[in-house]
């Protein structure tokens, strides 16, 4: 089951695509970090960092309880990340696969 999109129509989708184009135009992790620091409040950036950390820990096979103990991220957020990792739009999976390939040249 895919999550429902609540993009508010075509104008929202166009704006979302423009943001995505800006993100993929960045060439280095440093450029991306600087962009995200400019774009997000510290709390918003921390929420993104937390979610990505949860993805990595779920991929390592850790339990929700252990992830909470390590990160302080709520079990509700951990569950949401896990649901989207398993049944979302595929964005987490694409990023996991691609970063794993970069970090491990023998990975596919």
PDB file of N, CA and C in Angstrom:
ATOM      1  N   UNK A   1       0.834  -1.179   0.000  1.00  0.00           N
ATOM      2  CA  UNK A   1       0.000   0.000   0.000  1.00  0.00           C
ATOM      3  C   UNK A   1       0.882   1.248   0.000  1.00  0.00           C
ATOM      4  N   UNK A   2       0.727   2.084  -0.989  1.00  0.00           N
ATOM      5  CA  UNK A   2       1.484   3.322  -1.087  1.00  0.00           C
ATOM      6  C   UNK A   2       0.796   4.401  -0.257  1.00  0.00           C
ATOM      7  N   UNK A   3       1.602   5.265   0.392  1.00  0.00           N
ATOM      8  CA  UNK A   3       1.008   6.385   1.128  1.00  0.00           C
ATOM      9  C   UNK A   3       0.295   7.327   0.160  1.00  0.00           C
ATOM     10  N   UNK A   4      -0.741   7.986   0.645  1.00  0.00           N
ATOM     11  CA  UNK A   4      -1.461   8.949  -0.171  1.00  0.00           C
ATOM     12  C   UNK A   4      -0.615  10.199  -0.351  1.00  0.00           C
ATOM     13  N   UNK A   5      -0.685  10.769  -1.546  1.00  0.00           N
ATOM     14  CA  UNK A   5      -0.016  12.046  -1.801  1.00  0.00           C
ATOM     15  C   UNK A   5      -0.979  13.153  -1.431  1.00  0.00           C
ATOM     16  N   UNK A   6      -0.458  14.114  -0.749  1.00  0.00           N
ATOM     17  CA  UNK A   6      -1.259  15.291  -0.409  1.00  0.00           C
ATOM     18  C   UNK A   6      -0.504  16.521  -0.895  1.00  0.00           C
ATOM     19  N   UNK A   7      -0.235  16.570  -2.206  1.00  0.00           N
ATOM     20  CA  UNK A   7       0.604  17.635  -2.740  1.00  0.00           C
ATOM     21  C   UNK A   7      -0.165  18.902  -3.098  1.00  0.00           C
ATOM     22  N   UNK A   8      -1.490  18.915  -2.886  1.00  0.00           N
ATOM     23  CA  UNK A   8      -2.241  20.137  -3.103  1.00  0.00           C
ATOM     24  C   UNK A   8      -2.372  20.545  -4.564  1.00  0.00           C
ATOM     25  N   UNK A   9      -2.166  19.638  -5.474  1.00  0.00           N
ATOM     26  CA  UNK A   9      -2.371  19.948  -6.878  1.00  0.00           C
ATOM     27  C   UNK A   9      -1.089  20.172  -7.650  1.00  0.00           C
ATOM     28  N   UNK A  10      -1.279  20.599  -8.885  1.00  0.00           N
ATOM     29  CA  UNK A  10      -0.172  20.737  -9.830  1.00  0.00           C
ATOM     30  C   UNK A  10       0.856  21.762  -9.380  1.00  0.00           C
ATOM     31  N   UNK A  11       0.441  22.888  -8.825  1.00  0.00           N
ATOM     32  CA  UNK A  11       1.389  23.921  -8.408  1.00  0.00           C
ATOM     33  C   UNK A  11       2.363  23.378  -7.355  1.00  0.00           C
ATOM     34  N   UNK A  12       1.847  22.611  -6.423  1.00  0.00           N
ATOM     35  CA  UNK A  12       2.701  22.003  -5.404  1.00  0.00           C
ATOM     36  C   UNK A  12       3.667  21.009  -6.030  1.00  0.00           C
ATOM     37  N   UNK A  13       3.195  20.215  -6.963  1.00  0.00           N
ATOM     38  CA  UNK A  13       4.041  19.244  -7.631  1.00  0.00           C
ATOM     39  C   UNK A  13       5.151  19.935  -8.421  1.00  0.00           C
ATOM     40  N   UNK A  14       4.824  21.026  -9.098  1.00  0.00           N
ATOM     41  CA  UNK A  14       5.831  21.781  -9.847  1.00  0.00           C
ATOM     42  C   UNK A  14       6.889  22.323  -8.885  1.00  0.00           C
ATOM     43  N   UNK A  15       6.465  22.858  -7.765  1.00  0.00           N
ATOM     44  CA  UNK A  15       7.407  23.397  -6.778  1.00  0.00           C
ATOM     45  C   UNK A  15       8.275  22.283  -6.182  1.00  0.00           C
ATOM     46  N   UNK A  16       7.661  21.132  -5.929  1.00  0.00           N
ATOM     47  CA  UNK A  16       8.407  19.982  -5.409  1.00  0.00           C
ATOM     48  C   UNK A  16       9.474  19.532  -6.404  1.00  0.00           C
ATOM     49  N   UNK A  17       9.108  19.474  -7.666  1.00  0.00           N
ATOM     50  CA  UNK A  17      10.064  19.084  -8.717  1.00  0.00           C
ATOM     51  C   UNK A  17      11.203  20.097  -8.821  1.00  0.00           C
ATOM     52  N   UNK A  18      10.898  21.381  -8.681  1.00  0.00           N
ATOM     53  CA  UNK A  18      11.937  22.415  -8.735  1.00  0.00           C
ATOM     54  C   UNK A  18      12.933  22.228  -7.590  1.00  0.00           C
ATOM     55  N   UNK A  19      12.431  21.927  -6.415  1.00  0.00           N
ATOM     56  CA  UNK A  19      13.314  21.661  -5.276  1.00  0.00           C
ATOM     57  C   UNK A  19      14.176  20.433  -5.550  1.00  0.00           C
ATOM     58  N   UNK A  20      13.579  19.385  -6.083  1.00  0.00           N
ATOM     59  CA  UNK A  20      14.342  18.172  -6.397  1.00  0.00           C
ATOM     60  C   UNK A  20      15.420  18.448  -7.434  1.00  0.00           C
ATOM     61  N   UNK A  21      15.106  19.264  -8.439  1.00  0.00           N
ATOM     62  CA  UNK A  21      16.119  19.627  -9.434  1.00  0.00           C
ATOM     63  C   UNK A  21      17.267  20.391  -8.782  1.00  0.00           C
ATOM     64  N   UNK A  22      16.949  21.267  -7.841  1.00  0.00           N
ATOM     65  CA  UNK A  22      18.000  22.001  -7.130  1.00  0.00           C
ATOM     66  C   UNK A  22      18.886  21.034  -6.355  1.00  0.00           C
ATOM     67  N   UNK A  23      18.278  20.063  -5.693  1.00  0.00           N
ATOM     68  CA  UNK A  23      19.048  19.100  -4.907  1.00  0.00           C
ATOM     69  C   UNK A  23      19.970  18.276  -5.803  1.00  0.00           C
ATOM     70  N   UNK A  24      19.452  17.771  -6.907  1.00  0.00           N
ATOM     71  CA  UNK A  24      20.300  16.922  -7.748  1.00  0.00           C
ATOM     72  C   UNK A  24      21.352  17.726  -8.509  1.00  0.00           C
ATOM     73  N   UNK A  25      21.228  19.051  -8.530  1.00  0.00           N
ATOM     74  CA  UNK A  25      22.260  19.873  -9.175  1.00  0.00           C
ATOM     75  C   UNK A  25      23.520  19.973  -8.320  1.00  0.00           C
ATOM     76  N   UNK A  26      23.409  19.641  -7.047  1.00  0.00           N
ATOM     77  CA  UNK A  26      24.547  19.745  -6.134  1.00  0.00           C
ATOM     78  C   UNK A  26      25.521  18.616  -6.414  1.00  0.00           C
ATOM     79  N   UNK A  27      26.809  18.923  -6.372  1.00  0.00           N
ATOM     80  CA  UNK A  27      27.807  17.963  -6.831  1.00  0.00           C
ATOM     81  C   UNK A  27      28.598  17.280  -5.726  1.00  0.00           C
ATOM     82  N   UNK A  28      28.640  17.849  -4.547  1.00  0.00           N
ATOM     83  CA  UNK A  28      29.436  17.261  -3.471  1.00  0.00           C
ATOM     84  C   UNK A  28      28.609  17.193  -2.193  1.00  0.00           C
ATOM     85  N   UNK A  29      28.995  16.321  -1.268  1.00  0.00           N
ATOM     86  CA  UNK A  29      28.313  16.301   0.022  1.00  0.00           C
ATOM     87  C   UNK A  29      28.370  17.669   0.720  1.00  0.00           C
ATOM     88  N   UNK A  30      29.480  18.382   0.562  1.00  0.00           N
ATOM     89  CA  UNK A  30      29.602  19.694   1.189  1.00  0.00           C
ATOM     90  C   UNK A  30      28.590  20.682   0.607  1.00  0.00           C
ATOM     91  N   UNK A  31      28.418  20.665  -0.721  1.00  0.00           N
ATOM     92  CA  UNK A  31      27.413  21.525  -1.345  1.00  0.00           C
ATOM     93  C   UNK A  31      26.018  21.185  -0.832  1.00  0.00           C
ATOM     94  N   UNK A  32      25.748  19.907  -0.708  1.00  0.00           N
ATOM     95  CA  UNK A  32      24.434  19.469  -0.227  1.00  0.00           C
ATOM     96  C   UNK A  32      24.221  19.898   1.220  1.00  0.00           C
ATOM     97  N   UNK A  33      25.234  19.721   2.059  1.00  0.00           N
ATOM     98  CA  UNK A  33      25.127  20.149   3.459  1.00  0.00           C
ATOM     99  C   UNK A  33      24.856  21.645   3.551  1.00  0.00           C
ATOM    100  N   UNK A  34      25.583  22.423   2.765  1.00  0.00           N
ATOM    101  CA  UNK A  34      25.392  23.870   2.796  1.00  0.00           C
ATOM    102  C   UNK A  34      23.992  24.253   2.335  1.00  0.00           C
ATOM    103  N   UNK A  35      23.499  23.599   1.291  1.00  0.00           N
ATOM    104  CA  UNK A  35      22.147  23.853   0.797  1.00  0.00           C
ATOM    105  C   UNK A  35      21.117  23.529   1.874  1.00  0.00           C
ATOM    106  N   UNK A  36      21.255  22.353   2.491  1.00  0.00           N
ATOM    107  CA  UNK A  36      20.292  21.956   3.521  1.00  0.00           C
ATOM    108  C   UNK A  36      20.346  22.877   4.727  1.00  0.00           C
ATOM    109  N   UNK A  37      21.534  23.330   5.086  1.00  0.00           N
ATOM    110  CA  UNK A  37      21.665  24.272   6.211  1.00  0.00           C
ATOM    111  C   UNK A  37      21.002  25.605   5.887  1.00  0.00           C
ATOM    112  N   UNK A  38      21.081  26.029   4.626  1.00  0.00           N
ATOM    113  CA  UNK A  38      20.403  27.258   4.215  1.00  0.00           C
ATOM    114  C   UNK A  38      18.891  27.061   4.142  1.00  0.00           C
ATOM    115  N   UNK A  39      18.469  25.919   3.671  1.00  0.00           N
ATOM    116  CA  UNK A  39      17.058  25.652   3.415  1.00  0.00           C
ATOM    117  C   UNK A  39      16.266  25.376   4.691  1.00  0.00           C
ATOM    118  N   UNK A  40      16.862  24.629   5.615  1.00  0.00           N
ATOM    119  CA  UNK A  40      16.141  24.107   6.776  1.00  0.00           C
ATOM    120  C   UNK A  40      16.493  24.861   8.055  1.00  0.00           C
ATOM    121  N   UNK A  41      15.541  24.868   8.965  1.00  0.00           N
ATOM    122  CA  UNK A  41      15.865  25.310  10.318  1.00  0.00           C
ATOM    123  C   UNK A  41      16.722  24.218  10.953  1.00  0.00           C
ATOM    124  N   UNK A  42      17.434  24.538  12.033  1.00  0.00           N
ATOM    125  CA  UNK A  42      18.199  23.483  12.703  1.00  0.00           C
ATOM    126  C   UNK A  42      17.325  22.285  13.101  1.00  0.00           C
ATOM    127  N   UNK A  43      16.108  22.541  13.561  1.00  0.00           N
ATOM    128  CA  UNK A  43      15.222  21.443  13.961  1.00  0.00           C
ATOM    129  C   UNK A  43      14.799  20.603  12.759  1.00  0.00           C
ATOM    130  N   UNK A  44      14.503  21.252  11.631  1.00  0.00           N
ATOM    131  CA  UNK A  44      14.126  20.508  10.426  1.00  0.00           C
ATOM    132  C   UNK A  44      15.287  19.652   9.926  1.00  0.00           C
ATOM    133  N   UNK A  45      16.472  20.220   9.927  1.00  0.00           N
ATOM    134  CA  UNK A  45      17.642  19.464   9.484  1.00  0.00           C
ATOM    135  C   UNK A  45      17.900  18.290  10.418  1.00  0.00           C
ATOM    136  N   UNK A  46      17.750  18.507  11.724  1.00  0.00           N
ATOM    137  CA  UNK A  46      17.948  17.420  12.682  1.00  0.00           C
ATOM    138  C   UNK A  46      16.933  16.306  12.452  1.00  0.00           C
ATOM    139  N   UNK A  47      15.696  16.667  12.133  1.00  0.00           N
ATOM    140  CA  UNK A  47      14.677  15.646  11.848  1.00  0.00           C
ATOM    141  C   UNK A  47      15.067  14.820  10.634  1.00  0.00           C
ATOM    142  N   UNK A  48      15.602  15.464   9.595  1.00  0.00           N
ATOM    143  CA  UNK A  48      16.054  14.727   8.409  1.00  0.00           C
ATOM    144  C   UNK A  48      17.226  13.814   8.745  1.00  0.00           C
ATOM    145  N   UNK A  49      18.174  14.334   9.497  1.00  0.00           N
ATOM    146  CA  UNK A  49      19.340  13.543   9.913  1.00  0.00           C
ATOM    147  C   UNK A  49      18.886  12.345  10.741  1.00  0.00           C
ATOM    148  N   UNK A  50      17.969  12.591  11.679  1.00  0.00           N
ATOM    149  CA  UNK A  50      17.457  11.505  12.521  1.00  0.00           C
ATOM    150  C   UNK A  50      16.831  10.404  11.677  1.00  0.00           C
ATOM    151  N   UNK A  51      16.008  10.791  10.712  1.00  0.00           N
ATOM    152  CA  UNK A  51      15.328   9.790   9.878  1.00  0.00           C
ATOM    153  C   UNK A  51      16.323   8.978   9.068  1.00  0.00           C
ATOM    154  N   UNK A  52      17.332   9.655   8.521  1.00  0.00           N
ATOM    155  CA  UNK A  52      18.323   8.905   7.740  1.00  0.00           C
ATOM    156  C   UNK A  52      19.117   7.965   8.641  1.00  0.00           C
ATOM    157  N   UNK A  53      19.435   8.419   9.841  1.00  0.00           N
ATOM    158  CA  UNK A  53      20.141   7.550  10.782  1.00  0.00           C
ATOM    159  C   UNK A  53      19.282   6.330  11.109  1.00  0.00           C
ATOM    160  N   UNK A  54      17.982   6.530  11.283  1.00  0.00           N
ATOM    161  CA  UNK A  54      17.073   5.414  11.549  1.00  0.00           C
ATOM    162  C   UNK A  54      17.083   4.435  10.379  1.00  0.00           C
ATOM    163  N   UNK A  55      17.060   4.946   9.150  1.00  0.00           N
ATOM    164  CA  UNK A  55      17.116   4.065   7.978  1.00  0.00           C
ATOM    165  C   UNK A  55      18.347   3.171   8.055  1.00  0.00           C
ATOM    166  N   UNK A  56      19.497   3.773   8.317  1.00  0.00           N
ATOM    167  CA  UNK A  56      20.744   3.001   8.369  1.00  0.00           C
ATOM    168  C   UNK A  56      20.704   1.947   9.474  1.00  0.00           C
ATOM    169  N   UNK A  57      20.156   2.302  10.629  1.00  0.00           N
ATOM    170  CA  UNK A  57      20.100   1.357  11.745  1.00  0.00           C
ATOM    171  C   UNK A  57      19.094   0.238  11.484  1.00  0.00           C
ATOM    172  N   UNK A  58      17.971   0.571  10.836  1.00  0.00           N
ATOM    173  CA  UNK A  58      17.020  -0.469  10.442  1.00  0.00           C
ATOM    174  C   UNK A  58      17.668  -1.426   9.444  1.00  0.00           C
ATOM    175  N   UNK A  59      18.431  -0.882   8.516  1.00  0.00           N
ATOM    176  CA  UNK A  59      19.134  -1.709   7.539  1.00  0.00           C
ATOM    177  C   UNK A  59      20.150  -2.625   8.216  1.00  0.00           C
ATOM    178  N   UNK A  60      20.693  -2.184   9.347  1.00  0.00           N
ATOM    179  CA  UNK A  60      21.634  -3.005  10.114  1.00  0.00           C
ATOM    180  C   UNK A  60      20.924  -4.056  10.959  1.00  0.00           C
ATOM    181  N   UNK A  61      19.580  -4.033  10.949  1.00  0.00           N
ATOM    182  CA  UNK A  61      18.812  -5.051  11.652  1.00  0.00           C
ATOM    183  C   UNK A  61      18.514  -4.746  13.115  1.00  0.00           C
ATOM    184  N   UNK A  62      18.727  -3.516  13.548  1.00  0.00           N
ATOM    185  CA  UNK A  62      18.461  -3.174  14.943  1.00  0.00           C
ATOM    186  C   UNK A  62      16.963  -3.088  15.213  1.00  0.00           C
ATOM    187  N   UNK A  63      16.596  -3.373  16.444  1.00  0.00           N
ATOM    188  CA  UNK A  63      15.197  -3.284  16.858  1.00  0.00           C
ATOM    189  C   UNK A  63      14.821  -1.823  17.092  1.00  0.00           C
ATOM    190  N   UNK A  64      13.515  -1.563  17.081  1.00  0.00           N
ATOM    191  CA  UNK A  64      13.039  -0.203  17.356  1.00  0.00           C
ATOM    192  C   UNK A  64      13.552   0.265  18.716  1.00  0.00           C
ATOM    193  N   UNK A  65      13.475  -0.612  19.695  1.00  0.00           N
ATOM    194  CA  UNK A  65      13.912  -0.241  21.048  1.00  0.00           C
ATOM    195  C   UNK A  65      15.383   0.151  21.063  1.00  0.00           C
ATOM    196  N   UNK A  66      16.222  -0.624  20.375  1.00  0.00           N
ATOM    197  CA  UNK A  66      17.661  -0.332  20.347  1.00  0.00           C
ATOM    198  C   UNK A  66      17.933   0.971  19.596  1.00  0.00           C
ATOM    199  N   UNK A  67      17.209   1.186  18.502  1.00  0.00           N
ATOM    200  CA  UNK A  67      17.375   2.435  17.754  1.00  0.00           C
ATOM    201  C   UNK A  67      16.998   3.620  18.635  1.00  0.00           C
ATOM    202  N   UNK A  68      15.889   3.492  19.371  1.00  0.00           N
ATOM    203  CA  UNK A  68      15.489   4.550  20.298  1.00  0.00           C
ATOM    204  C   UNK A  68      16.588   4.793  21.336  1.00  0.00           C
ATOM    205  N   UNK A  69      17.130   3.730  21.900  1.00  0.00           N
ATOM    206  CA  UNK A  69      18.184   3.869  22.913  1.00  0.00           C
ATOM    207  C   UNK A  69      19.411   4.579  22.344  1.00  0.00           C
ATOM    208  N   UNK A  70      19.755   4.292  21.104  1.00  0.00           N
ATOM    209  CA  UNK A  70      20.949   4.883  20.482  1.00  0.00           C
ATOM    210  C   UNK A  70      20.734   6.323  20.033  1.00  0.00           C
ATOM    211  N   UNK A  71      19.519   6.633  19.576  1.00  0.00           N
ATOM    212  CA  UNK A  71      19.287   7.920  18.918  1.00  0.00           C
ATOM    213  C   UNK A  71      18.362   8.870  19.668  1.00  0.00           C
ATOM    214  N   UNK A  72      17.473   8.323  20.476  1.00  0.00           N
ATOM    215  CA  UNK A  72      16.448   9.152  21.102  1.00  0.00           C
ATOM    216  C   UNK A  72      15.285   9.465  20.183  1.00  0.00           C
ATOM    217  N   UNK A  73      15.302   8.936  18.961  1.00  0.00           N
ATOM    218  CA  UNK A  73      14.209   9.135  18.018  1.00  0.00           C
ATOM    219  C   UNK A  73      13.008   8.335  18.511  1.00  0.00           C
ATOM    220  N   UNK A  74      11.837   8.943  18.461  1.00  0.00           N
ATOM    221  CA  UNK A  74      10.640   8.291  18.989  1.00  0.00           C
ATOM    222  C   UNK A  74      10.329   7.006  18.224  1.00  0.00           C
ATOM    223  N   UNK A  75       9.713   6.076  18.926  1.00  0.00           N
ATOM    224  CA  UNK A  75       9.315   4.809  18.311  1.00  0.00           C
ATOM    225  C   UNK A  75       8.308   5.071  17.189  1.00  0.00           C
ATOM    226  N   UNK A  76       7.482   6.101  17.340  1.00  0.00           N
ATOM    227  CA  UNK A  76       6.530   6.469  16.284  1.00  0.00           C
ATOM    228  C   UNK A  76       7.270   6.852  15.004  1.00  0.00           C
ATOM    229  N   UNK A  77       8.303   7.672  15.131  1.00  0.00           N
ATOM    230  CA  UNK A  77       9.086   8.070  13.960  1.00  0.00           C
ATOM    231  C   UNK A  77       9.828   6.878  13.380  1.00  0.00           C
ATOM    232  N   UNK A  78      10.384   6.047  14.232  1.00  0.00           N
ATOM    233  CA  UNK A  78      11.081   4.846  13.761  1.00  0.00           C
ATOM    234  C   UNK A  78      10.111   3.976  12.962  1.00  0.00           C
ATOM    235  N   UNK A  79       8.914   3.796  13.475  1.00  0.00           N
ATOM    236  CA  UNK A  79       7.904   3.004  12.773  1.00  0.00           C
ATOM    237  C   UNK A  79       7.525   3.611  11.432  1.00  0.00           C
ATOM    238  N   UNK A  80       7.394   4.924  11.390  1.00  0.00           N
ATOM    239  CA  UNK A  80       7.060   5.597  10.139  1.00  0.00           C
ATOM    240  C   UNK A  80       8.183   5.400   9.121  1.00  0.00           C
ATOM    241  N   UNK A  81       9.409   5.586   9.549  1.00  0.00           N
ATOM    242  CA  UNK A  81      10.546   5.382   8.651  1.00  0.00           C
ATOM    243  C   UNK A  81      10.549   3.938   8.142  1.00  0.00           C
ATOM    244  N   UNK A  82      10.327   2.993   9.034  1.00  0.00           N
ATOM    245  CA  UNK A  82      10.315   1.575   8.641  1.00  0.00           C
ATOM    246  C   UNK A  82       9.221   1.298   7.617  1.00  0.00           C
ATOM    247  N   UNK A  83       8.033   1.885   7.811  1.00  0.00           N
ATOM    248  CA  UNK A  83       6.936   1.684   6.857  1.00  0.00           C
ATOM    249  C   UNK A  83       7.305   2.230   5.487  1.00  0.00           C
ATOM    250  N   UNK A  84       7.877   3.448   5.450  1.00  0.00           N
ATOM    251  CA  UNK A  84       8.234   4.037   4.168  1.00  0.00           C
ATOM    252  C   UNK A  84       9.421   3.321   3.535  1.00  0.00           C
ATOM    253  N   UNK A  85      10.322   2.807   4.350  1.00  0.00           N
ATOM    254  CA  UNK A  85      11.441   2.019   3.825  1.00  0.00           C
ATOM    255  C   UNK A  85      10.917   0.766   3.133  1.00  0.00           C
ATOM    256  N   UNK A  86       9.894   0.156   3.714  1.00  0.00           N
ATOM    257  CA  UNK A  86       9.329  -1.075   3.165  1.00  0.00           C
ATOM    258  C   UNK A  86       8.308  -0.828   2.059  1.00  0.00           C
ATOM    259  N   UNK A  87       7.512   0.241   2.203  1.00  0.00           N
ATOM    260  CA  UNK A  87       6.329   0.398   1.343  1.00  0.00           C
ATOM    261  C   UNK A  87       6.083   1.817   0.875  1.00  0.00           C
ATOM    262  N   UNK A  88       7.096   2.657   0.878  1.00  0.00           N
ATOM    263  CA  UNK A  88       6.908   4.042   0.465  1.00  0.00           C
ATOM    264  C   UNK A  88       7.077   4.207  -1.030  1.00  0.00           C
ATOM    265  N   UNK A  89       7.639   5.319  -1.411  1.00  0.00           N
ATOM    266  CA  UNK A  89       7.836   5.645  -2.823  1.00  0.00           C
ATOM    267  C   UNK A  89       9.121   5.059  -3.398  1.00  0.00           C
ATOM    268  N   UNK A  90       9.949   4.460  -2.550  1.00  0.00           N
ATOM    269  CA  UNK A  90      11.192   3.863  -3.009  1.00  0.00           C
ATOM    270  C   UNK A  90      12.403   4.772  -2.868  1.00  0.00           C
ATOM    271  N   UNK A  91      12.200   5.964  -2.344  1.00  0.00           N
ATOM    272  CA  UNK A  91      13.303   6.906  -2.199  1.00  0.00           C
ATOM    273  C   UNK A  91      14.355   6.451  -1.206  1.00  0.00           C
ATOM    274  N   UNK A  92      13.906   5.970  -0.059  1.00  0.00           N
ATOM    275  CA  UNK A  92      14.870   5.461   0.922  1.00  0.00           C
ATOM    276  C   UNK A  92      15.680   4.320   0.310  1.00  0.00           C
ATOM    277  N   UNK A  93      14.989   3.386  -0.341  1.00  0.00           N
ATOM    278  CA  UNK A  93      15.668   2.205  -0.898  1.00  0.00           C
ATOM    279  C   UNK A  93      16.688   2.622  -1.951  1.00  0.00           C
ATOM    280  N   UNK A  94      16.321   3.547  -2.811  1.00  0.00           N
ATOM    281  CA  UNK A  94      17.256   4.016  -3.840  1.00  0.00           C
ATOM    282  C   UNK A  94      18.495   4.620  -3.191  1.00  0.00           C
ATOM    283  N   UNK A  95      18.286   5.479  -2.195  1.00  0.00           N
ATOM    284  CA  UNK A  95      19.420   6.127  -1.534  1.00  0.00           C
ATOM    285  C   UNK A  95      20.271   5.116  -0.773  1.00  0.00           C
ATOM    286  N   UNK A  96      19.635   4.163  -0.106  1.00  0.00           N
ATOM    287  CA  UNK A  96      20.390   3.122   0.611  1.00  0.00           C
ATOM    288  C   UNK A  96      21.244   2.337  -0.377  1.00  0.00           C
ATOM    289  N   UNK A  97      20.638   1.902  -1.467  1.00  0.00           N
ATOM    290  CA  UNK A  97      21.369   1.096  -2.452  1.00  0.00           C
ATOM    291  C   UNK A  97      22.520   1.882  -3.065  1.00  0.00           C
ATOM    292  N   UNK A  98      22.288   3.125  -3.392  1.00  0.00           N
ATOM    293  CA  UNK A  98      23.332   3.918  -4.045  1.00  0.00           C
ATOM    294  C   UNK A  98      24.449   4.303  -3.087  1.00  0.00           C
ATOM    295  N   UNK A  99      24.113   4.614  -1.853  1.00  0.00           N
ATOM    296  CA  UNK A  99      25.180   4.963  -0.909  1.00  0.00           C
ATOM    297  C   UNK A  99      25.940   3.726  -0.500  1.00  0.00           C
ATOM    298  N   UNK A 100      25.285   2.581  -0.432  1.00  0.00           N
ATOM    299  CA  UNK A 100      25.983   1.334  -0.130  1.00  0.00           C
ATOM    300  C   UNK A 100      26.975   1.024  -1.245  1.00  0.00           C
ATOM    301  N   UNK A 101      26.565   1.254  -2.485  1.00  0.00           N
ATOM    302  CA  UNK A 101      27.446   1.001  -3.629  1.00  0.00           C
ATOM    303  C   UNK A 101      28.658   1.922  -3.593  1.00  0.00           C
ATOM    304  N   UNK A 102      28.477   3.159  -3.194  1.00  0.00           N
ATOM    305  CA  UNK A 102      29.597   4.095  -3.118  1.00  0.00           C
ATOM    306  C   UNK A 102      30.537   3.753  -1.984  1.00  0.00           C
ATOM    307  N   UNK A 103      29.971   3.266  -0.884  1.00  0.00           N
ATOM    308  CA  UNK A 103      30.789   2.933   0.283  1.00  0.00           C
ATOM    309  C   UNK A 103      31.432   1.566   0.171  1.00  0.00           C
ATOM    310  N   UNK A 104      30.892   0.722  -0.722  1.00  0.00           N
ATOM    311  CA  UNK A 104      31.408  -0.633  -0.901  1.00  0.00           C
ATOM    312  C   UNK A 104      31.445  -0.920  -2.407  1.00  0.00           C
ATOM    313  N   UNK A 105      32.588  -0.748  -3.035  1.00  0.00           N
ATOM    314  CA  UNK A 105      32.668  -0.911  -4.499  1.00  0.00           C
ATOM    315  C   UNK A 105      32.228  -2.283  -4.997  1.00  0.00           C
ATOM    316  N   UNK A 106      32.197  -3.315  -4.145  1.00  0.00           N
ATOM    317  CA  UNK A 106      31.766  -4.634  -4.596  1.00  0.00           C
ATOM    318  C   UNK A 106      30.267  -4.821  -4.474  1.00  0.00           C
ATOM    319  N   UNK A 107      29.550  -3.860  -3.841  1.00  0.00           N
ATOM    320  CA  UNK A 107      28.090  -3.963  -3.716  1.00  0.00           C
ATOM    321  C   UNK A 107      27.443  -3.638  -5.066  1.00  0.00           C
ATOM    322  N   UNK A 108      26.258  -4.178  -5.282  1.00  0.00           N
ATOM    323  CA  UNK A 108      25.531  -3.930  -6.540  1.00  0.00           C
ATOM    324  C   UNK A 108      24.522  -2.855  -6.327  1.00  0.00           C
TER     325      UNK A 108
END
